[in-house]
């Protein structure tokens, strides 16, 4: 395998937000890792994602909604670069 040099300049919070959304939607393995890191337990599925969610109390980078047969959990995700 050839070593590849990857250099990214100007990475912004928006880029990280979109990468996280892409991985949560496209990768079951990443989604499983993420929900276990949150200690949600088994049976939770990603139900909704909103980027730059605005409310009366301010803005959140990502609102992630996870649901199971008996519960709904909303995760407010913030990142700083």
C-alpha atoms as a PDB file:
ATOM      1  CA  UNK A   1       0.000   0.000   0.000  1.00  0.00           C
ATOM      2  CA  UNK A   2       1.273   3.435  -0.919  1.00  0.00           C
ATOM      3  CA  UNK A   3       1.449   6.065   1.809  1.00  0.00           C
ATOM      4  CA  UNK A   4      -0.852   8.934   0.981  1.00  0.00           C
ATOM      5  CA  UNK A   5      -0.315  12.416   2.355  1.00  0.00           C
ATOM      6  CA  UNK A   6      -3.591  14.184   3.051  1.00  0.00           C
ATOM      7  CA  UNK A   7      -3.557  17.839   4.033  1.00  0.00           C
ATOM      8  CA  UNK A   8      -6.752  19.696   4.841  1.00  0.00           C
ATOM      9  CA  UNK A   9      -6.747  23.421   5.407  1.00  0.00           C
ATOM     10  CA  UNK A  10      -9.621  25.516   6.613  1.00  0.00           C
ATOM     11  CA  UNK A  11     -11.624  22.780   8.309  1.00  0.00           C
ATOM     12  CA  UNK A  12     -14.628  24.387  10.017  1.00  0.00           C
ATOM     13  CA  UNK A  13     -17.194  23.254  12.588  1.00  0.00           C
ATOM     14  CA  UNK A  14     -19.710  22.834   9.765  1.00  0.00           C
ATOM     15  CA  UNK A  15     -17.402  20.261   8.126  1.00  0.00           C
ATOM     16  CA  UNK A  16     -17.224  18.249  11.350  1.00  0.00           C
ATOM     17  CA  UNK A  17     -21.027  18.475  11.748  1.00  0.00           C
ATOM     18  CA  UNK A  18     -21.619  17.148   8.242  1.00  0.00           C
ATOM     19  CA  UNK A  19     -19.024  14.388   8.660  1.00  0.00           C
ATOM     20  CA  UNK A  20     -20.699  13.250  11.886  1.00  0.00           C
ATOM     21  CA  UNK A  21     -24.129  13.242  10.222  1.00  0.00           C
ATOM     22  CA  UNK A  22     -22.784  11.272   7.254  1.00  0.00           C
ATOM     23  CA  UNK A  23     -21.204   8.643   9.502  1.00  0.00           C
ATOM     24  CA  UNK A  24     -24.300   8.320  11.705  1.00  0.00           C
ATOM     25  CA  UNK A  25     -26.523   7.794   8.671  1.00  0.00           C
ATOM     26  CA  UNK A  26     -24.214   5.686   6.494  1.00  0.00           C
ATOM     27  CA  UNK A  27     -22.313   3.515   8.960  1.00  0.00           C
ATOM     28  CA  UNK A  28     -24.142   1.072  11.237  1.00  0.00           C
ATOM     29  CA  UNK A  29     -20.825   0.302  12.985  1.00  0.00           C
ATOM     30  CA  UNK A  30     -20.217   3.988  13.758  1.00  0.00           C
ATOM     31  CA  UNK A  31     -23.840   4.443  14.908  1.00  0.00           C
ATOM     32  CA  UNK A  32     -23.478   1.449  17.250  1.00  0.00           C
ATOM     33  CA  UNK A  33     -20.205   2.832  18.633  1.00  0.00           C
ATOM     34  CA  UNK A  34     -21.762   6.292  19.098  1.00  0.00           C
ATOM     35  CA  UNK A  35     -24.869   5.030  20.910  1.00  0.00           C
ATOM     36  CA  UNK A  36     -22.744   2.801  23.152  1.00  0.00           C
ATOM     37  CA  UNK A  37     -20.507   5.778  23.999  1.00  0.00           C
ATOM     38  CA  UNK A  38     -23.703   7.561  25.069  1.00  0.00           C
ATOM     39  CA  UNK A  39     -24.679   4.485  27.123  1.00  0.00           C
ATOM     40  CA  UNK A  40     -28.135   4.418  25.517  1.00  0.00           C
ATOM     41  CA  UNK A  41     -28.472   0.664  25.676  1.00  0.00           C
ATOM     42  CA  UNK A  42     -29.660  -1.684  22.969  1.00  0.00           C
ATOM     43  CA  UNK A  43     -32.500  -1.010  20.590  1.00  0.00           C
ATOM     44  CA  UNK A  44     -32.007   2.695  19.861  1.00  0.00           C
ATOM     45  CA  UNK A  45     -32.129   3.857  16.251  1.00  0.00           C
ATOM     46  CA  UNK A  46     -31.315   7.244  14.773  1.00  0.00           C
ATOM     47  CA  UNK A  47     -34.677   8.852  13.990  1.00  0.00           C
ATOM     48  CA  UNK A  48     -33.798  12.461  13.086  1.00  0.00           C
ATOM     49  CA  UNK A  49     -30.902  14.879  12.680  1.00  0.00           C
ATOM     50  CA  UNK A  50     -31.007  18.664  12.546  1.00  0.00           C
ATOM     51  CA  UNK A  51     -27.931  20.821  11.916  1.00  0.00           C
ATOM     52  CA  UNK A  52     -27.700  24.354  13.339  1.00  0.00           C
ATOM     53  CA  UNK A  53     -30.860  23.828  15.335  1.00  0.00           C
ATOM     54  CA  UNK A  54     -32.269  27.083  16.682  1.00  0.00           C
ATOM     55  CA  UNK A  55     -34.457  27.407  19.761  1.00  0.00           C
ATOM     56  CA  UNK A  56     -35.390  30.150  22.209  1.00  0.00           C
ATOM     57  CA  UNK A  57     -32.365  29.186  24.329  1.00  0.00           C
ATOM     58  CA  UNK A  58     -29.820  29.383  21.487  1.00  0.00           C
ATOM     59  CA  UNK A  59     -28.262  27.271  18.749  1.00  0.00           C
ATOM     60  CA  UNK A  60     -26.942  23.712  18.818  1.00  0.00           C
ATOM     61  CA  UNK A  61     -24.555  22.338  16.185  1.00  0.00           C
ATOM     62  CA  UNK A  62     -26.510  19.075  15.918  1.00  0.00           C
ATOM     63  CA  UNK A  63     -29.730  17.770  17.409  1.00  0.00           C
ATOM     64  CA  UNK A  64     -29.713  13.974  17.197  1.00  0.00           C
ATOM     65  CA  UNK A  65     -32.908  12.076  18.012  1.00  0.00           C
ATOM     66  CA  UNK A  66     -32.640   8.402  18.923  1.00  0.00           C
ATOM     67  CA  UNK A  67     -35.730   6.271  19.532  1.00  0.00           C
ATOM     68  CA  UNK A  68     -36.455   2.797  20.823  1.00  0.00           C
ATOM     69  CA  UNK A  69     -39.720   0.936  21.286  1.00  0.00           C
ATOM     70  CA  UNK A  70     -40.202   2.634  24.659  1.00  0.00           C
ATOM     71  CA  UNK A  71     -38.095   5.808  24.723  1.00  0.00           C
ATOM     72  CA  UNK A  72     -36.932   8.899  22.848  1.00  0.00           C
ATOM     73  CA  UNK A  73     -33.541  10.504  23.548  1.00  0.00           C
ATOM     74  CA  UNK A  74     -32.405  13.836  22.120  1.00  0.00           C
ATOM     75  CA  UNK A  75     -28.653  14.472  22.051  1.00  0.00           C
ATOM     76  CA  UNK A  76     -27.446  18.047  21.628  1.00  0.00           C
ATOM     77  CA  UNK A  77     -23.968  17.876  20.075  1.00  0.00           C
ATOM     78  CA  UNK A  78     -21.533  20.797  20.073  1.00  0.00           C
ATOM     79  CA  UNK A  79     -18.044  20.843  18.655  1.00  0.00           C
ATOM     80  CA  UNK A  80     -15.308  23.464  18.680  1.00  0.00           C
ATOM     81  CA  UNK A  81     -12.427  23.733  16.277  1.00  0.00           C
END
